[in-house]
Amino acid sequence: MQKQTQLGTNRTGIQMSPKQTQKMLEEAKGAVFTPGDDTGLVEVRTAYIQSSGPVGSVPPPATAKGAVKSGMKALAGKKAHVLVDRLGERLAFERSGTRLYQAMLTKCRAVADGQGADVIEQLEHYCREEEEHFRLLVGCLEKLGADPTSQTPAADMAGVESTGLMQVVTDPMTSVTQSLHAILVAELADNDAWEELVRLAREFGQDEMAARFREARETEREHLEGIRKLHRQATMYEAG
């Protein structure tokens, strides 16, 4: 049986302490408030934004073959490093996606109590396909002469974005339902990103890549619908 959201001694709301709440409100009546706004905060943020450089850079192609290909695209008026950056982003996200599913499987097995074998099998299938997509992107980067072990700026951001989702799934106190919600967030982002990658590959004349990315996009759509269904079922199970 999975952990479920329950009624308990939640003390975060003011209704749990009516006497202290009334006292606080009475004290607030005599308080003197200094007018202000977020102008100072905006000024500081603006200064940092204007003085800071980018997150990082895309490394040049590591091979002569890659350099020639990238150079040809640059001469055609297209910046090949943009494609490499987005491929790096998907690579980082698919790696995180594989780890998310691995962590999700650990949680499901821990609470399965001999049940839910079909759900575990479904999640294992999704996990394998996430890893396949990771390997697909490694091959595409190598084909362009890029280094798949490099962390591009977009890959850096994808890693940061995934951190919160991983924290939800790996937290021993979160339920299967809560963890499925984190997976659902990841799959929603994943679907949009594959759609963008298909368009970008086509724009750069990489028709073979675009075709393989379309296949990956369809697989990710199946993941999204499957996780939506599992999350809905888990929620209804909690509702009893």
Protein backbone atom coordinates (compact mmCIF):
# COMPACT_ATOMS: atom_id res chain seq x y z
CA MET A 1 0.00 0.00 0.00
CA GLN A 2 1.35 3.41 -0.90
CA LYS A 3 1.59 6.37 1.42
CA GLN A 4 -1.55 8.49 1.22
CA THR A 5 -2.41 12.09 2.03
CA GLN A 6 -4.20 12.10 5.39
CA LEU A 7 -5.82 14.41 7.91
CA GLY A 8 -3.36 15.21 10.66
CA THR A 9 -1.80 17.80 12.95
CA ASN A 10 -0.94 20.30 10.25
CA ARG A 11 -0.20 23.58 12.07
CA THR A 12 0.74 25.77 9.10
CA GLY A 13 -2.56 27.69 8.89
CA ILE A 14 -3.72 30.44 11.24
CA GLN A 15 -7.01 28.67 11.93
CA MET A 16 -5.13 26.20 14.14
CA SER A 17 -4.41 29.00 16.67
CA PRO A 18 -7.44 31.31 16.84
CA LYS A 19 -6.41 33.06 20.09
CA GLN A 20 -2.90 33.87 18.87
CA THR A 21 -4.34 34.91 15.49
CA GLN A 22 -6.68 37.40 17.13
CA LYS A 23 -3.85 38.80 19.23
CA MET A 24 -1.66 39.15 16.15
CA LEU A 25 -4.40 41.01 14.28
CA GLU A 26 -4.97 43.34 17.23
CA GLU A 27 -1.25 44.13 17.47
CA ALA A 28 -1.12 44.77 13.73
CA LYS A 29 -3.74 47.52 14.02
CA GLY A 30 -1.32 49.75 15.85
CA ALA A 31 1.68 48.97 13.70
CA VAL A 32 3.33 51.69 11.62
CA PHE A 33 4.05 50.57 8.08
CA THR A 34 6.70 52.14 5.90
CA PRO A 35 5.57 52.49 2.29
CA GLY A 36 7.77 50.69 -0.18
CA ASP A 37 7.91 48.59 -3.31
CA ASP A 38 10.30 46.31 -5.13
CA THR A 39 12.20 49.12 -6.88
CA GLY A 40 15.44 48.38 -5.03
CA LEU A 41 15.21 44.67 -5.78
CA VAL A 42 14.55 45.37 -9.46
CA GLU A 43 17.56 47.69 -9.63
CA VAL A 44 19.88 45.09 -8.10
CA ARG A 45 18.60 42.33 -10.38
CA THR A 46 18.89 44.59 -13.42
CA ALA A 47 22.50 45.43 -12.56
CA TYR A 48 23.40 41.76 -12.21
CA ILE A 49 21.64 40.85 -15.45
CA GLN A 50 23.38 43.60 -17.42
CA SER A 51 26.84 42.83 -16.04
CA SER A 52 26.68 39.04 -16.26
CA GLY A 53 27.81 36.93 -19.16
CA PRO A 54 26.04 33.85 -20.56
CA VAL A 55 25.75 30.56 -18.66
CA GLY A 56 28.42 28.98 -20.82
CA SER A 57 29.34 28.22 -24.40
CA VAL A 58 29.04 25.48 -26.97
CA PRO A 59 32.44 23.89 -27.65
CA PRO A 60 33.67 23.83 -31.25
CA PRO A 61 33.49 20.51 -33.11
CA ALA A 62 36.15 18.14 -31.85
CA THR A 63 36.71 16.43 -35.20
CA ALA A 64 37.73 17.74 -38.60
CA LYS A 65 34.64 16.14 -40.16
CA GLY A 66 32.40 17.90 -37.67
CA ALA A 67 34.16 21.20 -38.21
CA VAL A 68 33.56 20.99 -41.95
CA LYS A 69 29.87 20.20 -41.47
CA SER A 70 29.36 22.96 -38.94
CA GLY A 71 31.27 25.43 -41.08
CA MET A 72 29.10 24.65 -44.10
CA LYS A 73 25.94 25.34 -42.12
CA ALA A 74 27.38 28.59 -40.76
CA LEU A 75 28.16 29.72 -44.31
CA ALA A 76 24.58 28.94 -45.24
CA GLY A 77 23.45 31.47 -42.68
CA LYS A 78 22.64 28.97 -39.94
CA LYS A 79 24.42 28.77 -36.62
CA ALA A 80 25.13 25.07 -36.13
CA HIS A 81 25.99 25.56 -32.47
CA VAL A 82 22.29 26.24 -31.78
CA LEU A 83 21.41 22.73 -32.96
CA VAL A 84 24.27 21.27 -30.91
CA ASP A 85 23.10 23.20 -27.85
CA ARG A 86 19.54 21.87 -28.17
CA LEU A 87 20.79 18.34 -28.74
CA GLY A 88 22.85 18.72 -25.59
CA GLU A 89 19.75 19.90 -23.75
CA ARG A 90 17.75 16.82 -24.81
CA LEU A 91 20.68 14.59 -23.93
CA ALA A 92 20.81 16.02 -20.40
CA PHE A 93 17.05 15.81 -19.97
CA GLU A 94 16.81 12.21 -21.22
CA ARG A 95 19.61 11.24 -18.85
CA SER A 96 17.68 12.85 -16.01
CA GLY A 97 14.49 11.21 -17.28
CA THR A 98 16.10 7.78 -17.09
CA ARG A 99 17.18 8.47 -13.52
CA LEU A 100 13.71 9.78 -12.64
CA TYR A 101 12.14 6.53 -13.81
CA GLN A 102 14.75 4.49 -11.98
CA ALA A 103 13.95 6.38 -8.77
CA MET A 104 10.22 5.99 -9.44
CA LEU A 105 10.66 2.24 -9.85
CA THR A 106 12.50 2.05 -6.54
CA LYS A 107 9.59 3.79 -4.81
CA CYS A 108 6.96 1.59 -6.46
CA ARG A 109 8.80 -1.61 -5.60
CA ALA A 110 9.24 -0.46 -2.01
CA VAL A 111 5.48 -0.04 -1.51
CA ALA A 112 4.18 -2.66 -3.95
CA ASP A 113 3.60 -5.38 -1.32
CA GLY A 114 3.40 -7.94 -4.08
CA GLN A 115 0.95 -5.88 -6.13
CA GLY A 116 1.17 -3.54 -9.11
CA ALA A 117 3.40 -5.76 -11.25
CA ASP A 118 1.76 -4.40 -14.41
CA VAL A 119 2.49 -0.79 -13.39
CA ILE A 120 6.11 -1.63 -12.59
CA GLU A 121 6.47 -3.35 -15.97
CA GLN A 122 5.04 -0.26 -17.69
CA LEU A 123 7.46 2.05 -15.89
CA GLU A 124 10.38 -0.26 -16.71
CA HIS A 125 9.41 -0.05 -20.39
CA TYR A 126 9.33 3.75 -20.27
CA CYS A 127 12.69 3.80 -18.49
CA ARG A 128 14.32 1.69 -21.21
CA GLU A 129 12.94 3.98 -23.90
CA GLU A 130 14.27 7.07 -22.11
CA GLU A 131 17.70 5.46 -22.15
CA GLU A 132 17.30 4.62 -25.85
CA HIS A 133 16.57 8.28 -26.55
CA PHE A 134 19.68 9.25 -24.61
CA ARG A 135 21.78 6.94 -26.79
CA LEU A 136 20.07 8.27 -29.93
CA LEU A 137 21.15 11.80 -29.03
CA VAL A 138 24.70 10.68 -28.29
CA GLY A 139 24.89 9.27 -31.82
CA CYS A 140 23.43 12.42 -33.38
CA LEU A 141 25.94 14.67 -31.62
CA GLU A 142 28.81 12.44 -32.70
CA LYS A 143 27.52 12.50 -36.27
CA LEU A 144 27.79 16.30 -36.20
CA GLY A 145 31.32 16.07 -34.85
CA ALA A 146 30.25 17.37 -31.43
CA ASP A 147 31.30 15.99 -28.06
CA PRO A 148 28.30 14.41 -26.29
CA THR A 149 30.12 14.60 -22.95
CA SER A 150 30.18 18.42 -23.07
CA GLN A 151 27.65 20.31 -20.99
CA THR A 152 26.24 23.00 -23.24
CA PRO A 153 24.39 26.03 -21.80
CA ALA A 154 20.97 24.54 -22.53
CA ALA A 155 22.08 21.22 -21.04
CA ASP A 156 23.14 23.06 -17.90
CA MET A 157 19.68 24.62 -17.62
CA ALA A 158 17.96 21.28 -18.22
CA GLY A 159 19.95 19.79 -15.36
CA VAL A 160 18.90 22.59 -13.02
CA GLU A 161 15.26 22.27 -14.07
CA SER A 162 15.28 18.54 -13.36
CA THR A 163 16.71 18.94 -9.86
CA GLY A 164 13.39 19.73 -8.19
CA LEU A 165 11.64 16.83 -9.91
CA MET A 166 14.33 14.43 -8.75
CA GLN A 167 14.03 15.74 -5.20
CA VAL A 168 10.30 14.96 -5.22
CA VAL A 169 10.69 11.41 -6.50
CA THR A 170 13.65 10.48 -4.27
CA ASP A 171 12.15 11.94 -1.09
CA PRO A 172 11.25 8.90 1.06
CA MET A 173 8.20 10.72 2.46
CA THR A 174 6.51 11.49 -0.88
CA SER A 175 3.77 9.17 -2.08
CA VAL A 176 3.55 7.35 -5.39
CA THR A 177 0.88 9.85 -6.47
CA GLN A 178 3.09 12.83 -5.66
CA SER A 179 6.03 11.22 -7.44
CA LEU A 180 3.90 10.47 -10.49
CA HIS A 181 3.00 14.16 -10.63
CA ALA A 182 6.71 15.01 -10.86
CA ILE A 183 7.11 12.48 -13.69
CA LEU A 184 4.09 14.04 -15.40
CA VAL A 185 5.73 17.48 -15.28
CA ALA A 186 8.87 16.00 -16.86
CA GLU A 187 6.90 14.29 -19.63
CA LEU A 188 4.99 17.49 -20.46
CA ALA A 189 8.26 19.37 -20.94
CA ASP A 190 9.79 16.44 -22.80
CA ASN A 191 7.02 16.34 -25.39
CA ASP A 192 7.32 20.03 -26.27
CA ALA A 193 11.10 19.80 -26.47
CA TRP A 194 11.06 16.88 -28.92
CA GLU A 195 8.61 18.81 -31.09
CA GLU A 196 11.05 21.73 -31.18
CA LEU A 197 13.97 19.42 -31.95
CA VAL A 198 12.13 17.94 -34.94
CA ARG A 199 11.60 21.43 -36.39
CA LEU A 200 15.18 22.49 -35.69
CA ALA A 201 16.72 19.40 -37.29
CA ARG A 202 14.58 19.89 -40.37
CA GLU A 203 15.60 23.56 -40.52
CA PHE A 204 19.25 22.53 -40.55
CA GLY A 205 18.70 20.01 -43.34
CA GLN A 206 19.13 17.01 -41.05
CA ASP A 207 16.18 15.08 -42.45
CA GLU A 208 17.31 11.69 -41.20
CA MET A 209 17.69 13.08 -37.68
CA ALA A 210 14.31 14.77 -37.93
CA ALA A 211 12.69 11.44 -38.85
CA ARG A 212 14.26 9.69 -35.86
CA PHE A 213 13.25 12.56 -33.60
CA ARG A 214 9.66 12.22 -34.79
CA GLU A 215 9.73 8.57 -33.74
CA ALA A 216 11.07 9.60 -30.32
CA ARG A 217 8.35 12.26 -30.07
CA GLU A 218 5.65 9.65 -30.69
CA THR A 219 7.14 7.41 -28.03
CA GLU A 220 7.20 10.31 -25.58
CA ARG A 221 3.55 11.03 -26.34
CA GLU A 222 2.78 7.45 -25.29
CA HIS A 223 4.74 8.06 -22.08
CA LEU A 224 2.76 11.22 -21.39
CA GLU A 225 -0.62 9.57 -21.85
CA GLY A 226 0.45 6.56 -19.80
CA ILE A 227 1.69 8.68 -16.89
CA ARG A 228 -1.44 10.84 -17.04
CA LYS A 229 -3.55 7.72 -16.67
CA LEU A 230 -1.45 6.33 -13.82
CA HIS A 231 -1.54 9.64 -11.95
CA ARG A 232 -5.30 9.88 -12.38
CA GLN A 233 -5.76 6.31 -11.14
CA ALA A 234 -3.49 6.92 -8.14
CA THR A 235 -5.41 10.08 -7.24
CA MET A 236 -8.76 8.30 -7.44
CA TYR A 237 -7.37 5.47 -5.33
CA GLU A 238 -6.45 7.98 -2.62
CA ALA A 239 -9.90 9.55 -2.87
CA GLY A 240 -11.27 6.09 -2.10
